[in-house]
């Protein structure tokens, strides 16, 4: 298994991604408390404090969670996560991403994903993304950043309910 720091500090023009910390709770929940952010996610009530607290604790325990900070305002605007996936943990997944609605539209998400992909491709050749089978908004966002929908499907149980996810992949670009 390749050694990779799953909580790097990545800086772009618009966004800074840094390791999530316990102290981020208040600012991150202030963003996540918007029900419209979660309306197409499998856990649609994640805007509720108890549900988001579970997400936040799992993120901290994952040791792969990053908060997104708007470089112009220095305010937290969302989060994302790296996760080793598969029985042998040979695949790297990027997921659990959300952004404040004020930052929707593609440029912030696109830069976040570009920073995360560029970093990951220093170590591996392929990244996967699990997207809820009914989450058309996120599926469109995946295609916008170059994600290729595969035939793979994954099931995960969240809060006692099993959800199905489609799998997108992005491969490391060939460099000549």
Protein backbone atom coordinates (compact mmCIF):
# COMPACT_ATOMS: atom_id res chain seq x y z
CA UNK A 1 0.00 0.00 0.00
CA UNK A 2 1.33 3.42 -1.00
CA UNK A 3 1.95 5.84 1.86
CA UNK A 4 -0.06 9.04 1.40
CA UNK A 5 -0.95 11.75 3.90
CA UNK A 6 -4.75 11.87 3.72
CA UNK A 7 -4.85 15.32 5.35
CA UNK A 8 -2.54 17.53 3.31
CA UNK A 9 -2.69 21.32 3.30
CA UNK A 10 -3.61 22.37 -0.26
CA UNK A 11 -3.88 25.95 -1.49
CA UNK A 12 -5.49 27.21 -4.68
CA UNK A 13 -6.51 30.63 -5.93
CA UNK A 14 -10.00 30.53 -4.40
CA UNK A 15 -9.86 27.75 -1.82
CA UNK A 16 -7.56 26.49 0.87
CA UNK A 17 -8.05 22.90 2.03
CA UNK A 18 -6.63 22.02 5.43
CA UNK A 19 -7.06 19.20 7.94
CA UNK A 20 -10.35 19.30 9.82
CA UNK A 21 -10.02 20.04 13.55
CA UNK A 22 -12.35 19.79 16.56
CA UNK A 23 -12.36 23.59 16.71
CA UNK A 24 -14.00 23.73 13.26
CA UNK A 25 -17.32 22.41 14.59
CA UNK A 26 -19.14 25.71 15.04
CA UNK A 27 -18.11 27.29 11.73
CA UNK A 28 -18.65 24.11 9.74
CA UNK A 29 -22.06 23.45 11.27
CA UNK A 30 -23.07 27.05 10.49
CA UNK A 31 -22.58 26.11 6.81
CA UNK A 32 -24.09 22.62 7.07
CA UNK A 33 -27.26 23.78 8.85
CA UNK A 34 -28.79 24.72 5.46
CA UNK A 35 -31.35 22.00 4.55
CA UNK A 36 -31.01 22.73 0.82
CA UNK A 37 -27.40 21.52 0.84
CA UNK A 38 -28.56 18.03 1.78
CA UNK A 39 -31.80 17.74 -0.20
CA UNK A 40 -30.31 15.33 -2.77
CA UNK A 41 -27.92 13.45 -0.47
CA UNK A 42 -28.79 10.06 0.98
CA UNK A 43 -28.85 11.54 4.51
CA UNK A 44 -31.23 14.40 3.79
CA UNK A 45 -31.54 15.47 7.42
CA UNK A 46 -27.81 16.07 7.89
CA UNK A 47 -28.61 19.76 8.43
CA UNK A 48 -29.90 18.78 11.89
CA UNK A 49 -27.30 19.20 14.61
CA UNK A 50 -27.34 15.59 15.84
CA UNK A 51 -26.99 14.18 12.30
CA UNK A 52 -24.25 16.63 11.37
CA UNK A 53 -22.43 15.90 14.63
CA UNK A 54 -22.27 12.23 13.53
CA UNK A 55 -20.86 13.30 10.13
CA UNK A 56 -18.34 15.58 11.86
CA UNK A 57 -17.17 12.93 14.34
CA UNK A 58 -16.81 10.33 11.55
CA UNK A 59 -14.86 12.88 9.51
CA UNK A 60 -12.44 13.55 12.36
CA UNK A 61 -12.00 9.83 13.00
CA UNK A 62 -11.37 9.14 9.31
CA UNK A 63 -8.09 11.10 9.43
CA UNK A 64 -8.81 12.13 5.84
CA UNK A 65 -11.19 15.07 6.31
CA UNK A 66 -10.41 18.53 5.01
CA UNK A 67 -12.23 21.81 5.53
CA UNK A 68 -12.56 24.23 2.64
CA UNK A 69 -11.74 27.85 3.42
CA UNK A 70 -12.59 30.72 1.08
CA UNK A 71 -9.26 32.50 0.60
CA UNK A 72 -10.96 35.89 0.10
CA UNK A 73 -12.94 35.83 3.35
CA UNK A 74 -10.93 33.28 5.42
CA UNK A 75 -14.27 31.63 6.29
CA UNK A 76 -15.02 27.91 6.21
CA UNK A 77 -17.31 27.15 3.26
CA UNK A 78 -17.48 23.35 3.32
CA UNK A 79 -15.56 20.11 3.56
CA UNK A 80 -14.38 17.05 1.68
CA UNK A 81 -12.56 13.84 2.48
CA UNK A 82 -10.03 11.34 1.22
CA UNK A 83 -10.76 7.70 2.00
CA UNK A 84 -8.90 4.49 1.17
CA UNK A 85 -11.44 2.22 -0.47
CA UNK A 86 -11.67 -1.47 -1.26
CA UNK A 87 -10.70 -4.64 0.58
CA UNK A 88 -7.00 -3.99 -0.02
CA UNK A 89 -7.45 -0.21 0.26
CA UNK A 90 -5.77 0.23 -3.11
CA UNK A 91 -8.24 2.80 -4.39
CA UNK A 92 -8.51 6.33 -3.14
CA UNK A 93 -11.98 7.81 -2.82
CA UNK A 94 -12.80 11.50 -2.65
CA UNK A 95 -16.19 12.21 -1.16
CA UNK A 96 -18.38 13.51 1.64
CA UNK A 97 -18.07 16.90 -0.05
CA UNK A 98 -20.42 19.78 0.62
CA UNK A 99 -20.25 23.51 0.02
CA UNK A 100 -22.19 26.52 1.20
CA UNK A 101 -24.83 27.43 -1.38
CA UNK A 102 -23.14 30.81 -1.77
CA UNK A 103 -20.25 28.87 -3.35
CA UNK A 104 -22.24 26.60 -5.66
CA UNK A 105 -21.88 26.85 -9.41
CA UNK A 106 -18.74 24.90 -10.08
CA UNK A 107 -15.69 27.10 -9.65
CA UNK A 108 -15.14 26.36 -5.95
CA UNK A 109 -16.02 22.68 -6.23
CA UNK A 110 -13.91 22.42 -9.37
CA UNK A 111 -10.89 23.95 -7.67
CA UNK A 112 -11.35 21.79 -4.56
CA UNK A 113 -11.46 18.64 -6.65
CA UNK A 114 -8.55 19.76 -8.85
CA UNK A 115 -6.40 20.38 -5.77
CA UNK A 116 -7.36 17.03 -4.28
CA UNK A 117 -6.85 15.14 -7.55
CA UNK A 118 -3.50 16.80 -8.30
CA UNK A 119 -2.28 15.82 -4.86
CA UNK A 120 -3.62 12.24 -5.10
CA UNK A 121 -2.11 11.71 -8.55
CA UNK A 122 1.35 12.20 -7.06
CA UNK A 123 0.81 8.79 -5.42
CA UNK A 124 -1.84 6.87 -7.39
CA UNK A 125 -3.26 6.58 -10.91
CA UNK A 126 -7.02 6.52 -10.24
CA UNK A 127 -9.50 8.18 -7.88
CA UNK A 128 -13.11 7.14 -7.39
CA UNK A 129 -16.17 9.08 -6.27
CA UNK A 130 -19.33 7.48 -4.88
CA UNK A 131 -22.46 9.48 -5.71
CA UNK A 132 -26.00 8.69 -4.58
CA UNK A 133 -27.86 6.95 -7.39
CA UNK A 134 -30.56 9.65 -7.30
CA UNK A 135 -28.21 12.60 -6.75
CA UNK A 136 -28.37 14.05 -10.25
CA UNK A 137 -26.90 17.39 -9.13
CA UNK A 138 -23.69 15.73 -7.88
CA UNK A 139 -23.57 13.41 -10.90
CA UNK A 140 -23.63 16.47 -13.18
CA UNK A 141 -20.91 18.08 -11.08
CA UNK A 142 -18.79 14.92 -11.45
CA UNK A 143 -19.12 14.99 -15.22
CA UNK A 144 -18.23 18.68 -15.20
CA UNK A 145 -14.85 17.91 -13.58
CA UNK A 146 -14.10 14.97 -15.88
CA UNK A 147 -15.54 12.07 -13.89
CA UNK A 148 -16.45 8.98 -15.91
CA UNK A 149 -19.48 6.99 -14.78
CA UNK A 150 -18.57 3.32 -14.39
CA UNK A 151 -20.78 0.25 -14.28
CA UNK A 152 -19.88 -0.26 -10.61
CA UNK A 153 -22.44 0.18 -7.87
CA UNK A 154 -21.76 0.29 -4.13
CA UNK A 155 -24.08 -0.03 -1.20
CA UNK A 156 -23.46 1.68 2.13
CA UNK A 157 -25.57 1.61 5.23
CA UNK A 158 -26.04 4.97 6.89
CA UNK A 159 -28.11 5.23 10.07
CA UNK A 160 -29.57 1.77 9.50
CA UNK A 161 -30.68 2.50 5.94
CA UNK A 162 -28.89 1.02 2.92
CA UNK A 163 -28.24 3.36 0.00
CA UNK A 164 -26.95 2.63 -3.47
CA UNK A 165 -24.21 4.70 -5.05
CA UNK A 166 -22.87 4.94 -8.57
CA UNK A 167 -19.11 5.08 -8.98
CA UNK A 168 -17.32 7.72 -11.02
CA UNK A 169 -13.63 7.53 -11.71
CA UNK A 170 -10.96 9.93 -12.80
CA UNK A 171 -7.64 8.58 -14.00
CA UNK A 172 -4.31 10.31 -13.79
CA UNK A 173 -3.67 12.19 -17.03
CA UNK A 174 -0.87 10.81 -19.20
CA UNK A 175 2.16 13.02 -19.07
CA UNK A 176 4.62 13.03 -21.93
